[in-house]
Protein backbone atom coordinates (compact mmCIF):
# COMPACT_ATOMS: atom_id res chain seq x y z
CA MET A 1 0.00 0.00 0.00
CA GLY A 2 1.44 3.36 -1.01
CA THR A 3 1.81 6.46 1.13
CA LEU A 4 -1.26 8.15 -0.36
CA ALA A 5 -3.43 5.08 0.25
CA LYS A 6 -2.17 4.81 3.84
CA LEU A 7 -2.96 8.50 4.42
CA LYS A 8 -6.50 7.91 3.13
CA VAL A 9 -6.95 5.01 5.54
CA MET A 10 -5.76 7.21 8.43
CA LEU A 11 -8.26 9.91 7.42
CA GLY A 12 -11.13 7.47 6.94
CA ILE A 13 -11.31 8.11 3.20
CA ALA A 14 -12.02 5.15 0.93
CA VAL A 15 -8.91 4.22 -1.01
CA GLU A 16 -11.01 4.03 -4.19
CA ASP A 17 -12.19 7.65 -3.73
CA THR A 18 -9.83 9.74 -5.83
CA SER A 19 -11.67 13.07 -5.47
CA GLN A 20 -9.18 14.42 -2.90
CA ASP A 21 -6.03 12.82 -4.27
CA PRO A 22 -4.42 16.04 -5.58
CA GLU A 23 -4.93 17.83 -2.24
CA LEU A 24 -3.74 14.84 -0.20
CA GLN A 25 -0.70 14.32 -2.44
CA LEU A 26 0.19 18.01 -2.03
CA LEU A 27 0.02 17.61 1.76
CA LEU A 28 2.34 14.59 1.55
CA ASP A 29 4.75 16.37 -0.80
CA ASP A 30 4.89 19.52 1.36
CA THR A 31 5.40 17.46 4.51
CA GLN A 32 8.16 15.44 2.85
CA ALA A 33 9.89 18.67 1.75
CA ASP A 34 9.71 19.98 5.32
CA LEU A 35 11.08 16.73 6.75
CA LEU A 36 13.97 16.76 4.27
CA THR A 37 14.76 20.35 5.26
CA TRP A 38 14.55 19.59 8.98
CA THR A 39 16.81 16.54 8.66
CA ASN A 40 19.23 17.99 6.05
CA ARG A 41 18.67 14.97 3.82
CA LEU A 42 18.00 14.46 0.11
CA THR A 43 15.79 11.38 0.52
CA LEU A 44 13.32 10.53 3.24
CA PRO A 45 14.40 7.62 5.46
CA ALA A 46 11.76 4.87 5.53
CA PRO A 47 11.15 5.17 9.31
CA LEU A 48 10.07 8.80 8.82
CA GLU A 49 7.28 7.86 6.40
CA SER A 50 4.90 7.29 9.32
CA ILE A 51 5.82 10.72 10.73
CA GLN A 52 5.18 12.19 7.26
CA ARG A 53 1.65 10.73 7.28
CA GLN A 54 0.99 11.84 10.87
CA ILE A 55 2.02 15.42 10.09
CA ALA A 56 -0.07 15.34 6.89
CA VAL A 57 -3.10 14.25 8.97
CA MET A 58 -2.47 17.12 11.39
CA ARG A 59 -2.25 19.59 8.51
CA TYR A 60 -5.40 18.15 6.89
CA ASN A 61 -7.32 18.56 10.14
CA LYS A 62 -6.06 22.12 10.63
CA GLN A 63 -7.28 23.36 7.25
CA GLY A 64 -9.30 26.52 7.70
CA VAL A 65 -7.77 27.32 11.09
CA GLU A 66 -4.16 27.93 10.00
CA GLY A 67 -2.31 30.21 12.38
CA GLN A 68 -4.82 29.76 15.18
CA SER A 69 -3.34 28.51 18.45
CA SER A 70 -6.61 28.02 20.34
CA HIS A 71 -10.35 28.28 19.78
CA SER A 72 -13.33 28.20 22.10
CA GLU A 73 -16.96 28.10 21.06
CA GLY A 74 -20.09 26.94 22.85
CA GLY A 75 -18.18 25.66 25.85
CA ILE A 76 -15.85 23.56 23.70
CA GLY A 77 -12.22 24.56 23.58
CA ARG A 78 -9.51 23.43 21.19
CA SER A 79 -5.83 24.21 21.19
CA PHE A 80 -3.19 23.32 18.65
CA GLU A 81 0.49 22.65 19.06
CA ASP A 82 3.00 22.97 16.25
CA LEU A 83 4.58 19.56 16.47
CA PRO A 84 4.34 17.13 19.39
CA VAL A 85 7.58 16.51 21.28
CA SER A 86 7.46 12.80 20.41
CA MET A 87 7.47 13.62 16.69
CA GLN A 88 10.27 16.14 17.12
CA ALA A 89 12.35 13.48 18.88
CA ALA A 90 11.71 10.96 16.09
CA ILE A 91 12.72 13.51 13.44
CA ASN A 92 15.85 14.53 15.35
CA GLN A 93 17.07 10.91 15.33
CA TYR A 94 17.50 11.19 11.54
CA ARG A 95 18.88 14.70 11.43
CA LYS A 96 22.23 15.18 9.72
CA LEU A 97 24.54 17.94 10.77
CA LYS A 98 25.62 20.49 8.22
CA VAL A 99 29.37 20.83 7.92
CA ALA A 100 30.77 24.15 6.92
CA THR A 101 34.29 24.58 5.68
CA TYR A 102 36.12 27.84 5.56
CA GLU A 103 38.82 28.71 3.13
CA THR A 104 41.80 30.35 4.69
CA THR A 105 44.00 32.70 2.76
């Protein structure tokens, strides 16, 4: 099962339903680009694929409330965090350091 199909399962969308595929694929692509930037890698390590889907689910569920940190309406309150500490720790395990070299004259 591919990443897009797994994301659909996580969101409760039928795998056969292709009506949201472009939007969901964009979420996956953007999340992958962010993970590659955060880890200083060119390819996504296989263990981070589940983190990619989890972040894509978070972004899917936050659509329409981007930038909002908390919301309360009718006695129901919601708050959002950027990225849970457990996910940050998982990402940091695969982070490569950047090495800078300086030319001396």
